[in-house]
C-alpha cells in the first residue's frame, strides 16, 4: 500500500478530527512525531486529515502547513510519493496511528490496521460487544489555587507555601494528559 493510500486509511480512522501530540509525554525528544520539511526537523503539535484523505494540515510550534495529495499539472503521483518518502511521512503515519485510542483495539499498524476492513467485525470484537472492562489511565494535571500561611517574612511564607504548610484552597484543575497504562481485566 503506497503512502497516499495509507493517508486515506488514516483519514477514515480520524474522521476529520484533529489529533494533538503532547510533546511532554515523550521520554526522548527524538520520539516526538515530526517531519523533515525543507531539510529541517519540524515537531508536529497537531494534525488533521480531510475525510477523503487528499489534504493534511499540520501545526508546528512556528506555523501551520498544508500538504495536498492530489495529482495536478505540477505534481504527479510519483512526485508526491517521492516527496512524502523524503520528509519521513511513513514514520509520521505510524505516530498518528499509535496515538489514536483505537490502535489498541485494532492492533499492529502493518499487519492489522492496513489490512483492516472497518465494516467487518472481528471475532474478538463480536465477543466483546456489551462487555465492560476496567482500564487504568494515568492522569497528569495542573492545579490552580492559593494557600494561607502564617510566617515572619515573605521568604518564610514562600518556603511554607512550597512545602504546603498551611490551608490550601483549590480553585481549578486542568487535565493536561491522559494516557492508557493497562487494561486491568482481560
Protein backbone atom coordinates (compact mmCIF):
# COMPACT_ATOMS: atom_id res chain seq x y z
CA UNK A 1 0.00 0.00 0.00
CA UNK A 2 1.52 3.33 -1.03
CA UNK A 3 1.77 6.33 1.30
CA UNK A 4 -1.22 8.14 -0.21
CA UNK A 5 -3.43 5.07 0.36
CA UNK A 6 -2.20 4.85 3.96
CA UNK A 7 -3.13 8.51 4.47
CA UNK A 8 -6.65 7.79 3.16
CA UNK A 9 -6.94 4.84 5.54
CA UNK A 10 -5.87 7.04 8.48
CA UNK A 11 -8.31 9.73 7.34
CA UNK A 12 -11.17 7.26 7.77
CA UNK A 13 -9.90 6.43 11.27
CA UNK A 14 -9.56 10.10 12.32
CA UNK A 15 -12.95 11.04 10.80
CA UNK A 16 -11.84 14.63 10.14
CA UNK A 17 -10.94 15.26 13.79
CA UNK A 18 -7.76 16.96 14.96
CA UNK A 19 -5.12 14.81 16.67
CA UNK A 20 -2.86 16.56 19.17
CA UNK A 21 0.61 15.40 20.24
CA UNK A 22 1.68 16.31 23.78
CA UNK A 23 5.44 16.77 23.47
CA UNK A 24 5.86 16.47 27.25
CA UNK A 25 4.52 12.91 27.19
CA UNK A 26 7.56 11.63 25.24
CA UNK A 27 10.61 10.43 27.17
CA UNK A 28 13.04 11.45 24.42
CA UNK A 29 12.91 14.45 22.07
CA UNK A 30 13.69 12.23 19.07
CA UNK A 31 10.45 10.28 19.73
CA UNK A 32 8.23 13.34 19.21
CA UNK A 33 6.23 12.98 15.96
CA UNK A 34 7.95 15.01 13.25
CA UNK A 35 8.51 15.56 9.55
CA UNK A 36 11.60 16.82 7.76
CA UNK A 37 10.49 19.82 5.71
CA UNK A 38 12.97 21.84 3.63
CA UNK A 39 15.80 19.92 5.32
CA UNK A 40 14.65 20.93 8.83
CA UNK A 41 13.06 18.74 11.50
CA UNK A 42 9.60 20.04 12.38
CA UNK A 43 8.00 18.61 15.53
CA UNK A 44 4.27 18.25 14.98
CA UNK A 45 1.83 19.62 17.56
CA UNK A 46 -1.38 18.63 15.77
CA UNK A 47 -2.63 17.12 12.54
CA UNK A 48 -5.96 16.92 10.75
CA UNK A 49 -6.63 15.00 7.55
CA UNK A 50 -9.65 15.71 5.36
CA UNK A 51 -12.16 12.84 5.35
CA UNK A 52 -11.26 11.94 1.75
CA UNK A 53 -7.54 11.85 2.60
CA UNK A 54 -6.45 14.35 -0.06
CA UNK A 55 -5.21 17.09 2.28
CA UNK A 56 -3.35 17.19 5.61
CA UNK A 57 -2.95 20.26 7.82
CA UNK A 58 -0.15 20.04 10.36
CA UNK A 59 0.67 22.53 13.09
CA UNK A 60 4.19 23.05 14.40
CA UNK A 61 5.43 25.45 17.06
CA UNK A 62 6.03 28.10 14.37
CA UNK A 63 3.49 27.52 11.63
CA UNK A 64 0.62 25.69 10.01
CA UNK A 65 1.50 23.69 6.91
CA UNK A 66 -0.91 22.28 4.37
CA UNK A 67 0.03 19.19 2.35
CA UNK A 68 -2.05 18.16 -0.66
CA UNK A 69 -2.08 14.66 -2.13
CA UNK A 70 -3.83 15.13 -5.47
CA UNK A 71 -2.25 14.98 -8.89
CA UNK A 72 -2.22 18.16 -10.99
CA UNK A 73 -0.15 19.77 -13.79
CA UNK A 74 2.79 20.47 -11.44
CA UNK A 75 2.71 17.33 -9.27
CA UNK A 76 2.37 13.75 -10.45
CA UNK A 77 1.60 10.92 -8.05
CA UNK A 78 5.22 9.77 -8.46
CA UNK A 79 6.49 13.21 -7.39
CA UNK A 80 4.09 13.30 -4.42
CA UNK A 81 5.13 9.79 -3.31
CA UNK A 82 8.83 10.71 -3.53
CA UNK A 83 8.32 13.92 -1.51
CA UNK A 84 6.31 12.04 1.13
CA UNK A 85 9.06 9.44 1.45
CA UNK A 86 11.79 12.10 1.75
CA UNK A 87 10.02 14.03 4.52
CA UNK A 88 9.55 10.94 6.71
CA UNK A 89 5.80 10.60 6.22
CA UNK A 90 5.83 6.80 6.73
CA UNK A 91 7.05 7.15 10.32
CA UNK A 92 4.71 10.07 10.98
CA UNK A 93 1.72 8.00 9.82
CA UNK A 94 2.67 5.32 12.35
CA UNK A 95 2.87 8.03 15.03
CA UNK A 96 -0.66 9.15 14.14
CA UNK A 97 -1.97 5.59 14.26
CA UNK A 98 -0.32 4.57 17.52
CA UNK A 99 -1.51 7.80 19.23
CA UNK A 100 -5.11 7.03 18.26
CA UNK A 101 -7.11 5.32 21.04
CA UNK A 102 -8.46 2.64 18.67
CA UNK A 103 -4.95 1.38 17.82
CA UNK A 104 -5.15 -0.75 21.00
CA UNK A 105 -8.30 -2.41 19.68
CA UNK A 106 -7.17 -2.82 16.06
CA UNK A 107 -3.58 -3.96 16.60
CA UNK A 108 -0.32 -3.60 14.67
CA UNK A 109 -0.10 -0.89 12.00
CA UNK A 110 1.17 -3.00 9.08
CA UNK A 111 -0.33 -6.39 9.95
CA UNK A 112 -3.73 -5.35 11.29
CA UNK A 113 -4.65 -1.74 10.51
CA UNK A 114 -3.58 -1.54 6.85
CA UNK A 115 -5.48 -4.77 6.10
CA UNK A 116 -8.39 -3.96 8.42
CA UNK A 117 -11.90 -3.56 6.98
CA UNK A 118 -13.85 -1.29 9.29
CA UNK A 119 -17.19 -2.78 8.27
CA UNK A 120 -16.25 -6.38 9.07
CA UNK A 121 -16.32 -7.11 12.78
CA UNK A 122 -13.64 -9.46 14.04
CA UNK A 123 -14.43 -12.47 16.26
CA UNK A 124 -12.80 -10.63 19.14
CA UNK A 125 -15.00 -7.52 18.81
CA UNK A 126 -18.16 -9.63 18.37
CA UNK A 127 -17.42 -11.43 21.65
CA UNK A 128 -16.66 -8.19 23.48
CA UNK A 129 -19.78 -6.26 22.42
CA UNK A 130 -21.65 -5.26 25.56
CA UNK A 131 -18.77 -6.34 27.81
CA UNK A 132 -17.24 -3.69 30.00
CA UNK A 133 -13.60 -3.63 31.04
CA UNK A 134 -11.60 -1.78 33.64
CA UNK A 135 -8.85 0.47 32.32
CA UNK A 136 -6.08 2.13 34.31
CA UNK A 137 -5.48 5.61 32.91
CA UNK A 138 -2.61 7.84 34.03
CA UNK A 139 -3.63 11.47 34.50
CA UNK A 140 -1.33 14.49 34.57
CA UNK A 141 -2.91 17.72 35.76
CA UNK A 142 -2.12 21.24 36.81
CA UNK A 143 -3.91 22.52 39.89
CA UNK A 144 -4.52 26.23 40.44
CA UNK A 145 -5.31 27.65 43.86
CA UNK A 146 -3.95 29.52 46.84
CA UNK A 147 -2.57 28.74 50.27
CA UNK A 148 -2.82 30.75 53.51
CA UNK A 149 0.37 30.52 55.60
CA UNK A 150 1.47 32.20 58.82
CA UNK A 151 5.07 33.42 58.59
CA UNK A 152 7.54 36.06 59.84
CA UNK A 153 8.81 37.09 56.37
CA UNK A 154 7.99 36.76 52.69
CA UNK A 155 10.85 34.23 52.33
CA UNK A 156 9.44 32.13 55.18
CA UNK A 157 5.93 32.42 53.67
CA UNK A 158 7.16 31.25 50.25
CA UNK A 159 9.04 28.34 51.83
CA UNK A 160 5.96 27.28 53.80
CA UNK A 161 3.76 27.62 50.71
CA UNK A 162 6.18 25.50 48.69
CA UNK A 163 6.05 22.74 51.32
CA UNK A 164 2.23 23.09 51.58
CA UNK A 165 2.45 24.11 55.26
CA UNK A 166 -0.87 25.96 55.51
CA UNK A 167 -4.50 25.92 54.42
CA UNK A 168 -4.69 25.12 50.70
CA UNK A 169 -7.70 26.05 48.58
CA UNK A 170 -8.02 24.59 45.07
CA UNK A 171 -9.77 26.79 42.52
CA UNK A 172 -9.29 24.88 39.30
CA UNK A 173 -7.71 21.69 37.96
CA UNK A 174 -6.74 21.28 34.30
CA UNK A 175 -6.06 17.79 32.92
CA UNK A 176 -3.04 18.11 30.63
CA UNK A 177 -2.60 14.46 29.62
CA UNK A 178 -4.48 11.16 29.88
CA UNK A 179 -2.68 8.02 28.77
CA UNK A 180 -3.72 4.37 28.94
CA UNK A 181 -1.47 2.46 31.31
CA UNK A 182 -3.06 -1.01 31.12
CA UNK A 183 -6.27 -2.98 30.81
CA UNK A 184 -6.90 -4.41 34.27
CA UNK A 185 -9.32 -7.26 33.46
CA UNK A 186 -8.63 -9.31 30.38
